[in-house]
Amino acid sequence: MDLYNQIFQNNQEWISSKKATNDSFFKYLAEGQSPEILYIGCSDSRVTAEEMTGVEPGQMFVHRNIANLVPNNDNNSASVIEYAIEYLKVKHVVVCGHYFCGGVKAAMEAKDLGVLNPWLRNIRDVYRLHEEELDAISDETERYKRLVEINVEEQCLNVIKTAVLQRHYLNSGFPIVHGWVFDIKSGKLIDLHINFEQKLKQIQKIYNLGGK
């Protein structure tokens, strides 16, 4: 049986396993969602958000795209952030990158990638902003890994710059923004320990949209 058809068999087995432990599981799901976390990650097929974090359906609102970007002019990610914060009232926003990211690797190479060029330019802009630090790393693999981390940090900043994030945080103390990296080789989630309050204070002079 090929993978496509196997999926439907897997689905039936998943339904049975959920009902076996909680007969009201799907009734509960149908009543709505109240996730605590907005997860913004990469579309890479090896990085499965719910599986690697162990969360259950309804606990995490997930948005994925190539290289976990939050571009300033992207209505898709902007709409997800607006909905998650304004209507779902999430308490945490996580931007999660991963080592050996194909999108980050492609952005490091001088190649014309057609329609991908504008999207990957966001990562090249990150490299430009941190060129001195990155070029000082002689080992290419380590430079690649560091760019993955810096890209996560910059995308966290892009989340912090949004009006909906600033407004809700100033009014309620939530949500808090976090930066993670997933190490594919070990399976480990690494918290980059983004100093959210410090980052917010640093950008407020120019990007203050919270009205305070």
N, C-alpha and C. Protein backbone atom coordinates (compact mmCIF):
# COMPACT_ATOMS: atom_id res chain seq x y z
N MET A 1 0.85 -1.19 0.00
CA MET A 1 0.00 0.00 0.00
C MET A 1 0.89 1.25 0.00
N ASP A 2 0.61 2.19 -0.93
CA ASP A 2 1.42 3.40 -0.97
C ASP A 2 1.05 4.33 0.19
N LEU A 3 1.90 5.31 0.42
CA LEU A 3 1.73 6.19 1.58
C LEU A 3 0.41 6.93 1.54
N TYR A 4 0.00 7.39 0.35
CA TYR A 4 -1.23 8.16 0.25
C TYR A 4 -2.42 7.37 0.78
N ASN A 5 -2.56 6.15 0.34
CA ASN A 5 -3.69 5.33 0.78
C ASN A 5 -3.53 4.86 2.23
N GLN A 6 -2.30 4.70 2.67
CA GLN A 6 -2.04 4.29 4.04
C GLN A 6 -2.56 5.33 5.03
N ILE A 7 -2.55 6.60 4.59
CA ILE A 7 -2.99 7.68 5.48
C ILE A 7 -4.42 7.46 5.97
N PHE A 8 -5.30 6.99 5.12
CA PHE A 8 -6.69 6.81 5.51
C PHE A 8 -6.85 5.64 6.49
N GLN A 9 -6.03 4.64 6.34
CA GLN A 9 -6.02 3.54 7.31
C GLN A 9 -5.47 4.04 8.65
N ASN A 10 -4.41 4.85 8.57
CA ASN A 10 -3.85 5.42 9.79
C ASN A 10 -4.89 6.27 10.52
N ASN A 11 -5.68 7.01 9.74
CA ASN A 11 -6.71 7.87 10.33
C ASN A 11 -7.73 7.06 11.11
N GLN A 12 -8.17 5.94 10.54
CA GLN A 12 -9.14 5.09 11.23
C GLN A 12 -8.56 4.52 12.52
N GLU A 13 -7.29 4.15 12.47
CA GLU A 13 -6.64 3.62 13.68
C GLU A 13 -6.49 4.71 14.73
N TRP A 14 -6.22 5.94 14.29
CA TRP A 14 -6.10 7.07 15.22
C TRP A 14 -7.43 7.35 15.89
N ILE A 15 -8.53 7.33 15.11
CA ILE A 15 -9.87 7.54 15.66
C ILE A 15 -10.17 6.49 16.72
N SER A 16 -9.87 5.25 16.42
CA SER A 16 -10.14 4.17 17.36
C SER A 16 -9.34 4.32 18.64
N SER A 17 -8.07 4.70 18.49
CA SER A 17 -7.22 4.85 19.69
C SER A 17 -7.69 6.00 20.57
N LYS A 18 -8.14 7.10 19.96
CA LYS A 18 -8.64 8.23 20.75
C LYS A 18 -9.94 7.88 21.47
N LYS A 19 -10.83 7.19 20.78
CA LYS A 19 -12.11 6.81 21.40
C LYS A 19 -11.92 5.79 22.51
N ALA A 20 -10.86 4.97 22.37
CA ALA A 20 -10.60 3.94 23.38
C ALA A 20 -10.21 4.55 24.72
N THR A 21 -9.55 5.69 24.68
CA THR A 21 -9.12 6.34 25.92
C THR A 21 -10.09 7.44 26.38
N ASN A 22 -10.84 8.01 25.43
CA ASN A 22 -11.78 9.08 25.77
C ASN A 22 -12.90 9.09 24.74
N ASP A 23 -14.02 8.54 25.11
CA ASP A 23 -15.13 8.40 24.18
C ASP A 23 -15.69 9.74 23.73
N SER A 24 -15.43 10.81 24.50
CA SER A 24 -15.95 12.14 24.17
C SER A 24 -14.91 13.03 23.49
N PHE A 25 -13.79 12.44 23.07
CA PHE A 25 -12.68 13.21 22.53
C PHE A 25 -13.11 14.10 21.37
N PHE A 26 -13.79 13.55 20.39
CA PHE A 26 -14.15 14.33 19.20
C PHE A 26 -15.32 15.28 19.48
N LYS A 27 -16.18 14.94 20.41
CA LYS A 27 -17.23 15.85 20.83
C LYS A 27 -16.60 17.09 21.46
N TYR A 28 -15.56 16.88 22.27
CA TYR A 28 -14.84 17.99 22.90
C TYR A 28 -14.17 18.86 21.84
N LEU A 29 -13.52 18.24 20.85
CA LEU A 29 -12.85 19.00 19.79
C LEU A 29 -13.84 19.86 19.01
N ALA A 30 -15.01 19.33 18.78
CA ALA A 30 -16.01 20.04 17.97
C ALA A 30 -16.57 21.27 18.66
N GLU A 31 -16.36 21.38 19.96
CA GLU A 31 -16.91 22.51 20.71
C GLU A 31 -16.10 23.79 20.52
N GLY A 32 -14.88 23.68 19.97
CA GLY A 32 -14.07 24.87 19.74
C GLY A 32 -12.63 24.66 20.18
N GLN A 33 -11.84 25.72 20.08
CA GLN A 33 -10.43 25.62 20.46
C GLN A 33 -10.04 26.78 21.37
N SER A 34 -9.11 26.51 22.27
CA SER A 34 -8.57 27.56 23.14
C SER A 34 -7.08 27.26 23.39
N PRO A 35 -6.28 27.31 22.33
CA PRO A 35 -4.86 26.99 22.47
C PRO A 35 -4.12 28.05 23.28
N GLU A 36 -3.09 27.62 24.00
CA GLU A 36 -2.28 28.56 24.78
C GLU A 36 -1.10 29.08 23.98
N ILE A 37 -0.75 28.37 22.90
CA ILE A 37 0.48 28.68 22.18
C ILE A 37 0.20 28.88 20.69
N LEU A 38 0.80 29.92 20.12
CA LEU A 38 0.89 30.05 18.67
C LEU A 38 2.30 29.62 18.28
N TYR A 39 2.38 28.63 17.41
CA TYR A 39 3.66 28.09 16.96
C TYR A 39 3.87 28.48 15.51
N ILE A 40 4.96 29.19 15.23
CA ILE A 40 5.32 29.56 13.86
C ILE A 40 6.60 28.80 13.51
N GLY A 41 6.48 27.84 12.61
CA GLY A 41 7.62 26.99 12.29
C GLY A 41 7.84 26.82 10.81
N CYS A 42 8.79 25.96 10.48
CA CYS A 42 9.15 25.69 9.09
C CYS A 42 8.27 24.58 8.52
N SER A 43 8.06 24.63 7.21
CA SER A 43 7.24 23.63 6.54
C SER A 43 7.97 22.30 6.32
N ASP A 44 9.24 22.25 6.65
CA ASP A 44 10.05 21.04 6.46
C ASP A 44 9.31 19.81 6.99
N SER A 45 9.24 18.76 6.17
CA SER A 45 8.47 17.56 6.52
C SER A 45 9.05 16.80 7.71
N ARG A 46 10.30 17.10 8.06
CA ARG A 46 10.94 16.42 9.19
C ARG A 46 10.63 17.07 10.53
N VAL A 47 10.03 18.26 10.48
CA VAL A 47 9.81 19.04 11.70
C VAL A 47 8.31 19.11 11.97
N THR A 48 7.79 18.10 12.66
CA THR A 48 6.35 18.01 12.92
C THR A 48 6.05 18.62 14.28
N ALA A 49 5.40 19.76 14.26
CA ALA A 49 5.23 20.58 15.46
C ALA A 49 4.58 19.83 16.62
N GLU A 50 3.41 19.23 16.39
CA GLU A 50 2.69 18.58 17.48
C GLU A 50 3.43 17.35 18.00
N GLU A 51 4.03 16.59 17.10
CA GLU A 51 4.69 15.35 17.54
C GLU A 51 5.92 15.64 18.39
N MET A 52 6.74 16.61 17.97
CA MET A 52 7.99 16.84 18.70
C MET A 52 7.76 17.58 20.01
N THR A 53 6.62 18.25 20.15
CA THR A 53 6.31 18.94 21.41
C THR A 53 5.40 18.13 22.31
N GLY A 54 4.75 17.11 21.76
CA GLY A 54 3.88 16.25 22.56
C GLY A 54 2.57 16.88 22.95
N VAL A 55 2.15 17.94 22.25
CA VAL A 55 0.88 18.59 22.60
C VAL A 55 -0.30 17.84 21.99
N GLU A 56 -1.44 18.03 22.58
CA GLU A 56 -2.67 17.40 22.10
C GLU A 56 -3.42 18.34 21.17
N PRO A 57 -4.33 17.81 20.34
CA PRO A 57 -5.16 18.67 19.50
C PRO A 57 -5.90 19.71 20.35
N GLY A 58 -5.89 20.96 19.89
CA GLY A 58 -6.54 22.03 20.60
C GLY A 58 -5.63 22.84 21.51
N GLN A 59 -4.39 22.39 21.70
CA GLN A 59 -3.49 23.07 22.63
C GLN A 59 -2.55 24.06 21.94
N MET A 60 -2.34 23.92 20.62
CA MET A 60 -1.37 24.77 19.94
C MET A 60 -1.87 25.13 18.55
N PHE A 61 -1.90 26.42 18.27
CA PHE A 61 -2.28 26.95 16.96
C PHE A 61 -1.01 27.02 16.11
N VAL A 62 -1.03 26.41 14.92
CA VAL A 62 0.21 26.20 14.17
C VAL A 62 0.18 26.91 12.82
N HIS A 63 1.26 27.62 12.54
CA HIS A 63 1.48 28.23 11.22
C HIS A 63 2.87 27.82 10.75
N ARG A 64 2.96 27.32 9.52
CA ARG A 64 4.25 26.88 9.00
C ARG A 64 4.47 27.44 7.59
N ASN A 65 5.71 27.82 7.32
CA ASN A 65 6.09 28.24 5.97
C ASN A 65 7.58 27.96 5.78
N ILE A 66 8.11 28.22 4.61
CA ILE A 66 9.52 27.96 4.35
C ILE A 66 10.38 28.86 5.22
N ALA A 67 11.20 28.23 6.07
CA ALA A 67 12.19 28.90 6.92
C ALA A 67 11.57 29.74 8.03
N ASN A 68 10.34 29.40 8.44
CA ASN A 68 9.67 30.04 9.60
C ASN A 68 9.80 31.56 9.61
N LEU A 69 9.37 32.17 8.50
CA LEU A 69 9.49 33.62 8.36
C LEU A 69 8.22 34.35 8.80
N VAL A 70 8.42 35.58 9.27
CA VAL A 70 7.31 36.49 9.57
C VAL A 70 7.61 37.81 8.85
N PRO A 71 7.52 37.82 7.52
CA PRO A 71 7.85 39.03 6.76
C PRO A 71 6.88 40.16 7.06
N ASN A 72 7.37 41.38 6.99
CA ASN A 72 6.53 42.53 7.33
C ASN A 72 5.36 42.72 6.38
N ASN A 73 5.47 42.22 5.16
CA ASN A 73 4.41 42.43 4.17
C ASN A 73 3.65 41.15 3.83
N ASP A 74 3.71 40.16 4.71
CA ASP A 74 3.06 38.88 4.45
C ASP A 74 1.72 38.81 5.17
N ASN A 75 0.63 38.91 4.41
CA ASN A 75 -0.70 38.90 5.01
C ASN A 75 -1.05 37.56 5.64
N ASN A 76 -0.43 36.49 5.15
CA ASN A 76 -0.72 35.16 5.69
C ASN A 76 -0.30 35.06 7.15
N SER A 77 0.99 35.28 7.41
CA SER A 77 1.47 35.19 8.80
C SER A 77 0.86 36.29 9.66
N ALA A 78 0.64 37.46 9.09
CA ALA A 78 0.03 38.56 9.84
C ALA A 78 -1.39 38.20 10.30
N SER A 79 -2.14 37.55 9.43
CA SER A 79 -3.51 37.15 9.77
C SER A 79 -3.52 36.09 10.86
N VAL A 80 -2.56 35.15 10.76
CA VAL A 80 -2.45 34.11 11.79
C VAL A 80 -2.15 34.74 13.15
N ILE A 81 -1.20 35.66 13.18
CA ILE A 81 -0.83 36.32 14.43
C ILE A 81 -2.01 37.11 14.99
N GLU A 82 -2.69 37.85 14.14
CA GLU A 82 -3.85 38.64 14.57
C GLU A 82 -4.93 37.75 15.17
N TYR A 83 -5.26 36.67 14.47
CA TYR A 83 -6.32 35.77 14.93
C TYR A 83 -5.94 35.08 16.24
N ALA A 84 -4.68 34.61 16.31
CA ALA A 84 -4.24 33.87 17.50
C ALA A 84 -4.23 34.75 18.74
N ILE A 85 -3.80 36.00 18.58
CA ILE A 85 -3.69 36.90 19.74
C ILE A 85 -5.02 37.57 20.06
N GLU A 86 -5.68 38.11 19.05
CA GLU A 86 -6.90 38.89 19.26
C GLU A 86 -8.09 38.03 19.64
N TYR A 87 -8.22 36.86 19.01
CA TYR A 87 -9.43 36.05 19.19
C TYR A 87 -9.21 34.77 19.99
N LEU A 88 -8.05 34.14 19.82
CA LEU A 88 -7.79 32.92 20.58
C LEU A 88 -7.13 33.21 21.93
N LYS A 89 -6.60 34.42 22.07
CA LYS A 89 -6.00 34.87 23.34
C LYS A 89 -4.84 33.97 23.78
N VAL A 90 -3.97 33.62 22.85
CA VAL A 90 -2.83 32.78 23.20
C VAL A 90 -1.92 33.51 24.19
N LYS A 91 -1.25 32.74 25.03
CA LYS A 91 -0.37 33.31 26.04
C LYS A 91 1.10 33.31 25.61
N HIS A 92 1.41 32.51 24.61
CA HIS A 92 2.78 32.41 24.14
C HIS A 92 2.81 32.36 22.61
N VAL A 93 3.79 33.05 22.02
CA VAL A 93 4.05 32.95 20.59
C VAL A 93 5.47 32.41 20.44
N VAL A 94 5.59 31.28 19.75
CA VAL A 94 6.88 30.63 19.55
C VAL A 94 7.26 30.69 18.08
N VAL A 95 8.46 31.16 17.79
CA VAL A 95 9.04 31.02 16.45
C VAL A 95 10.09 29.92 16.56
N CYS A 96 9.92 28.86 15.78
CA CYS A 96 10.81 27.71 15.89
C CYS A 96 11.49 27.43 14.55
N GLY A 97 12.80 27.57 14.51
CA GLY A 97 13.58 27.18 13.35
C GLY A 97 14.19 25.82 13.57
N HIS A 98 14.99 25.37 12.63
CA HIS A 98 15.66 24.08 12.82
C HIS A 98 16.99 24.07 12.07
N TYR A 99 17.96 23.37 12.65
CA TYR A 99 19.25 23.23 12.00
C TYR A 99 19.08 22.42 10.71
N PHE A 100 19.93 22.71 9.74
CA PHE A 100 19.90 22.07 8.42
C PHE A 100 18.61 22.39 7.68
N CYS A 101 18.19 23.66 7.82
CA CYS A 101 17.00 24.15 7.13
C CYS A 101 17.33 24.44 5.67
N GLY A 102 16.58 23.83 4.76
CA GLY A 102 16.83 24.01 3.32
C GLY A 102 16.65 25.43 2.87
N GLY A 103 15.67 26.14 3.45
CA GLY A 103 15.44 27.53 3.07
C GLY A 103 16.59 28.42 3.46
N VAL A 104 17.11 28.24 4.66
CA VAL A 104 18.25 29.03 5.12
C VAL A 104 19.48 28.70 4.28
N LYS A 105 19.68 27.43 3.99
CA LYS A 105 20.82 27.02 3.17
C LYS A 105 20.75 27.64 1.79
N ALA A 106 19.57 27.63 1.19
CA ALA A 106 19.40 28.20 -0.15
C ALA A 106 19.68 29.70 -0.14
N ALA A 107 19.31 30.38 0.94
CA ALA A 107 19.53 31.82 1.03
C ALA A 107 21.02 32.16 1.15
N MET A 108 21.81 31.20 1.60
CA MET A 108 23.25 31.42 1.74
C MET A 108 24.01 31.24 0.43
N GLU A 109 23.32 30.72 -0.59
CA GLU A 109 23.97 30.43 -1.86
C GLU A 109 23.61 31.47 -2.91
N ALA A 110 24.57 31.82 -3.75
CA ALA A 110 24.36 32.82 -4.80
C ALA A 110 23.72 32.16 -6.02
N LYS A 111 22.43 31.86 -5.91
CA LYS A 111 21.70 31.19 -6.99
C LYS A 111 20.37 31.89 -7.24
N ASP A 112 19.97 31.90 -8.52
CA ASP A 112 18.64 32.41 -8.88
C ASP A 112 17.64 31.28 -8.68
N LEU A 113 16.72 31.45 -7.74
CA LEU A 113 15.76 30.40 -7.41
C LEU A 113 14.34 30.77 -7.82
N GLY A 114 14.24 31.66 -8.82
CA GLY A 114 12.95 31.99 -9.40
C GLY A 114 11.99 32.62 -8.41
N VAL A 115 10.80 32.05 -8.31
CA VAL A 115 9.74 32.64 -7.47
C VAL A 115 10.13 32.63 -5.99
N LEU A 116 11.09 31.80 -5.62
CA LEU A 116 11.54 31.77 -4.22
C LEU A 116 12.41 32.97 -3.85
N ASN A 117 12.94 33.68 -4.85
CA ASN A 117 13.87 34.77 -4.58
C ASN A 117 13.34 35.81 -3.60
N PRO A 118 12.13 36.36 -3.80
CA PRO A 118 11.63 37.38 -2.86
C PRO A 118 11.47 36.85 -1.44
N TRP A 119 11.04 35.59 -1.33
CA TRP A 119 10.84 35.00 0.00
C TRP A 119 12.17 34.82 0.72
N LEU A 120 13.15 34.25 0.00
CA LEU A 120 14.45 34.00 0.62
C LEU A 120 15.25 35.27 0.84
N ARG A 121 14.87 36.34 0.16
CA ARG A 121 15.54 37.61 0.37
C ARG A 121 15.38 38.07 1.83
N ASN A 122 14.30 37.65 2.47
CA ASN A 122 14.13 37.98 3.88
C ASN A 122 15.26 37.40 4.73
N ILE A 123 15.72 36.19 4.39
CA ILE A 123 16.82 35.57 5.13
C ILE A 123 18.14 36.23 4.74
N ARG A 124 18.28 36.57 3.46
CA ARG A 124 19.50 37.26 3.03
C ARG A 124 19.62 38.62 3.72
N ASP A 125 18.49 39.27 3.95
CA ASP A 125 18.50 40.53 4.69
C ASP A 125 18.98 40.30 6.13
N VAL A 126 18.56 39.18 6.72
CA VAL A 126 19.03 38.83 8.07
C VAL A 126 20.54 38.65 8.06
N TYR A 127 21.05 37.96 7.03
CA TYR A 127 22.51 37.77 6.92
C TYR A 127 23.21 39.13 6.81
N ARG A 128 22.65 40.01 5.99
CA ARG A 128 23.26 41.32 5.80
C ARG A 128 23.35 42.09 7.11
N LEU A 129 22.29 42.02 7.92
CA LEU A 129 22.27 42.73 9.19
C LEU A 129 23.29 42.19 10.19
N HIS A 130 23.64 40.91 10.03
CA HIS A 130 24.55 40.25 10.97
C HIS A 130 25.79 39.71 10.24
N GLU A 131 26.13 40.37 9.15
CA GLU A 131 27.22 39.90 8.28
C GLU A 131 28.55 39.78 9.02
N GLU A 132 28.88 40.75 9.85
CA GLU A 132 30.17 40.74 10.54
C GLU A 132 30.31 39.51 11.44
N GLU A 133 29.27 39.24 12.23
CA GLU A 133 29.31 38.07 13.12
C GLU A 133 29.37 36.77 12.33
N LEU A 134 28.56 36.66 11.29
CA LEU A 134 28.50 35.42 10.53
C LEU A 134 29.77 35.16 9.74
N ASP A 135 30.32 36.20 9.12
CA ASP A 135 31.54 36.02 8.33
C ASP A 135 32.74 35.70 9.20
N ALA A 136 32.66 36.01 10.49
CA ALA A 136 33.76 35.69 11.40
C ALA A 136 33.78 34.20 11.77
N ILE A 137 32.73 33.47 11.42
CA ILE A 137 32.65 32.03 11.70
C ILE A 137 33.23 31.28 10.50
N SER A 138 34.40 30.71 10.66
CA SER A 138 35.11 30.09 9.53
C SER A 138 34.49 28.76 9.09
N ASP A 139 33.95 28.01 10.04
CA ASP A 139 33.35 26.72 9.72
C ASP A 139 31.97 26.94 9.09
N GLU A 140 31.80 26.46 7.87
CA GLU A 140 30.56 26.73 7.13
C GLU A 140 29.32 26.15 7.82
N THR A 141 29.46 24.95 8.38
CA THR A 141 28.32 24.33 9.06
C THR A 141 27.91 25.14 10.29
N GLU A 142 28.89 25.60 11.05
CA GLU A 142 28.59 26.41 12.24
C GLU A 142 27.98 27.75 11.85
N ARG A 143 28.47 28.33 10.74
CA ARG A 143 27.90 29.59 10.25
C ARG A 143 26.44 29.38 9.86
N TYR A 144 26.17 28.28 9.20
CA TYR A 144 24.83 27.91 8.76
C TYR A 144 23.91 27.76 9.99
N LYS A 145 24.38 27.08 11.01
CA LYS A 145 23.59 26.89 12.23
C LYS A 145 23.33 28.22 12.94
N ARG A 146 24.35 29.07 12.95
CA ARG A 146 24.18 30.37 13.61
C ARG A 146 23.18 31.23 12.87
N LEU A 147 23.16 31.16 11.54
CA LEU A 147 22.18 31.92 10.77
C LEU A 147 20.77 31.43 11.08
N VAL A 148 20.60 30.13 11.26
CA VAL A 148 19.30 29.58 11.66
C VAL A 148 18.85 30.24 12.96
N GLU A 149 19.75 30.34 13.94
CA GLU A 149 19.41 30.94 15.24
C GLU A 149 19.09 32.43 15.11
N ILE A 150 19.94 33.15 14.36
CA ILE A 150 19.72 34.59 14.19
C ILE A 150 18.43 34.85 13.44
N ASN A 151 18.12 34.01 12.46
CA ASN A 151 16.87 34.17 11.72
C ASN A 151 15.67 34.03 12.66
N VAL A 152 15.72 33.08 13.57
CA VAL A 152 14.65 32.92 14.56
C VAL A 152 14.51 34.20 15.39
N GLU A 153 15.64 34.74 15.83
CA GLU A 153 15.61 35.95 16.65
C GLU A 153 14.99 37.13 15.89
N GLU A 154 15.36 37.26 14.61
CA GLU A 154 14.82 38.36 13.81
C GLU A 154 13.32 38.19 13.55
N GLN A 155 12.87 36.95 13.37
CA GLN A 155 11.44 36.72 13.16
C GLN A 155 10.66 36.97 14.46
N CYS A 156 11.29 36.69 15.60
CA CYS A 156 10.68 37.04 16.88
C CYS A 156 10.48 38.56 16.97
N LEU A 157 11.49 39.29 16.52
CA LEU A 157 11.38 40.75 16.51
C LEU A 157 10.23 41.21 15.62
N ASN A 158 10.07 40.54 14.48
CA ASN A 158 8.98 40.90 13.57
C ASN A 158 7.61 40.67 14.22
N VAL A 159 7.51 39.63 15.04
CA VAL A 159 6.28 39.40 15.79
C VAL A 159 6.08 40.52 16.81
N ILE A 160 7.15 40.87 17.52
CA ILE A 160 7.08 41.90 18.56
C ILE A 160 6.69 43.25 17.98
N LYS A 161 7.04 43.50 16.73
CA LYS A 161 6.73 44.77 16.08
C LYS A 161 5.24 44.95 15.78
N THR A 162 4.47 43.88 15.82
CA THR A 162 3.06 43.98 15.43
C THR A 162 2.23 44.70 16.48
N ALA A 163 1.24 45.45 16.02
CA ALA A 163 0.38 46.22 16.92
C ALA A 163 -0.42 45.32 17.85
N VAL A 164 -0.93 44.22 17.33
CA VAL A 164 -1.78 43.35 18.15
C VAL A 164 -0.99 42.75 19.30
N LEU A 165 0.27 42.38 19.05
CA LEU A 165 1.12 41.84 20.11
C LEU A 165 1.40 42.90 21.17
N GLN A 166 1.81 44.08 20.73
CA GLN A 166 2.14 45.15 21.68
C GLN A 166 0.93 45.55 22.52
N ARG A 167 -0.22 45.68 21.86
CA ARG A 167 -1.42 46.11 22.56
C ARG A 167 -1.83 45.12 23.65
N HIS A 168 -1.85 43.85 23.29
CA HIS A 168 -2.29 42.83 24.25
C HIS A 168 -1.28 42.66 25.38
N TYR A 169 0.01 42.73 25.05
CA TYR A 169 1.02 42.57 26.10
C TYR A 169 0.96 43.74 27.09
N LEU A 170 0.82 44.95 26.58
CA LEU A 170 0.77 46.11 27.47
C LEU A 170 -0.48 46.11 28.35
N ASN A 171 -1.56 45.51 27.84
CA ASN A 171 -2.81 45.48 28.60
C ASN A 171 -2.92 44.31 29.57
N SER A 172 -2.29 43.17 29.21
CA SER A 172 -2.51 41.96 30.02
C SER A 172 -1.24 41.22 30.43
N GLY A 173 -0.09 41.61 29.85
CA GLY A 173 1.15 40.88 30.15
C GLY A 173 1.36 39.65 29.30
N PHE A 174 0.45 39.44 28.36
CA PHE A 174 0.54 38.30 27.42
C PHE A 174 0.12 38.78 26.02
N PRO A 175 0.60 38.09 25.00
CA PRO A 175 1.48 36.91 25.00
C PRO A 175 2.95 37.27 25.10
N ILE A 176 3.74 36.27 25.45
CA ILE A 176 5.19 36.39 25.51
C ILE A 176 5.77 35.68 24.29
N VAL A 177 6.80 36.26 23.70
CA VAL A 177 7.40 35.70 22.48
C VAL A 177 8.66 34.90 22.83
N HIS A 178 8.77 33.73 22.22
CA HIS A 178 9.90 32.83 22.47
C HIS A 178 10.55 32.41 21.15
N GLY A 179 11.85 32.15 21.18
CA GLY A 179 12.56 31.63 20.02
C GLY A 179 13.15 30.26 20.31
N TRP A 180 12.83 29.28 19.48
CA TRP A 180 13.34 27.91 19.64
C TRP A 180 14.06 27.47 18.38
N VAL A 181 14.94 26.48 18.55
CA VAL A 181 15.53 25.78 17.41
C VAL A 181 15.41 24.29 17.66
N PHE A 182 15.00 23.55 16.64
CA PHE A 182 14.91 22.09 16.71
C PHE A 182 16.16 21.50 16.07
N ASP A 183 16.86 20.67 16.83
CA ASP A 183 18.06 20.00 16.31
C ASP A 183 17.66 18.66 15.72
N ILE A 184 17.63 18.58 14.42
CA ILE A 184 17.18 17.36 13.75
C ILE A 184 18.05 16.16 14.10
N LYS A 185 19.33 16.38 14.29
CA LYS A 185 20.25 15.26 14.56
C LYS A 185 20.02 14.60 15.91
N SER A 186 19.55 15.38 16.88
CA SER A 186 19.35 14.83 18.22
C SER A 186 17.87 14.75 18.62
N GLY A 187 17.02 15.50 17.91
CA GLY A 187 15.61 15.56 18.27
C GLY A 187 15.31 16.55 19.38
N LYS A 188 16.33 17.29 19.81
CA LYS A 188 16.19 18.19 20.95
C LYS A 188 15.64 19.55 20.55
N LEU A 189 14.73 20.07 21.37
CA LEU A 189 14.26 21.45 21.23
C LEU A 189 15.16 22.35 22.08
N ILE A 190 15.67 23.40 21.47
CA ILE A 190 16.57 24.32 22.16
C ILE A 190 15.89 25.67 22.32
N ASP A 191 15.77 26.13 23.55
CA ASP A 191 15.21 27.44 23.84
C ASP A 191 16.34 28.47 23.72
N LEU A 192 16.20 29.44 22.83
CA LEU A 192 17.23 30.46 22.66
C LEU A 192 17.17 31.53 23.74
N HIS A 193 16.18 31.43 24.62
CA HIS A 193 16.03 32.36 25.75
C HIS A 193 16.04 33.82 25.28
N ILE A 194 15.15 34.10 24.33
CA ILE A 194 14.97 35.47 23.89
C ILE A 194 14.49 36.33 25.07
N ASN A 195 15.19 37.43 25.31
CA ASN A 195 14.75 38.34 26.38
C ASN A 195 13.64 39.22 25.81
N PHE A 196 12.41 38.73 25.94
CA PHE A 196 11.27 39.36 25.28
C PHE A 196 11.07 40.81 25.74
N GLU A 197 11.06 41.04 27.04
CA GLU A 197 10.81 42.40 27.53
C GLU A 197 11.90 43.37 27.08
N GLN A 198 13.14 42.92 27.09
CA GLN A 198 14.24 43.76 26.63
C GLN A 198 14.11 44.09 25.15
N LYS A 199 13.77 43.07 24.35
CA LYS A 199 13.60 43.27 22.91
C LYS A 199 12.48 44.28 22.65
N LEU A 200 11.39 44.15 23.39
CA LEU A 200 10.26 45.07 23.23
C LEU A 200 10.68 46.50 23.54
N LYS A 201 11.40 46.68 24.62
CA LYS A 201 11.84 48.02 25.01
C LYS A 201 12.79 48.62 23.96
N GLN A 202 13.65 47.76 23.38
CA GLN A 202 14.62 48.23 22.40
C GLN A 202 13.99 48.75 21.12
N ILE A 203 12.86 48.15 20.75
CA ILE A 203 12.24 48.54 19.47
C ILE A 203 11.12 49.55 19.62
N GLN A 204 10.71 49.83 20.86
CA GLN A 204 9.52 50.67 21.06
C GLN A 204 9.68 52.10 20.52
N LYS A 205 10.88 52.65 20.59
CA LYS A 205 11.07 54.02 20.12
C LYS A 205 10.62 54.17 18.67
N ILE A 206 10.92 53.17 17.85
CA ILE A 206 10.61 53.25 16.41
C ILE A 206 9.33 52.49 16.07
N TYR A 207 9.11 51.36 16.71
CA TYR A 207 8.01 50.48 16.31
C TYR A 207 6.84 50.48 17.29
N ASN A 208 6.76 51.44 18.18
CA ASN A 208 5.70 51.46 19.18
C ASN A 208 4.33 51.67 18.52
N LEU A 209 3.48 50.67 18.62
CA LEU A 209 2.12 50.76 18.08
C LEU A 209 1.09 50.46 19.16
N GLY A 210 1.57 50.32 20.39
CA GLY A 210 0.68 49.91 21.47
C GLY A 210 -0.09 51.04 22.10
N GLY A 211 0.23 52.29 21.75
CA GLY A 211 -0.51 53.42 22.27
C GLY A 211 -0.09 53.87 23.65
N LYS A 212 1.07 53.34 24.14
CA LYS A 212 1.55 53.75 25.47
C LYS A 212 3.01 54.10 25.39
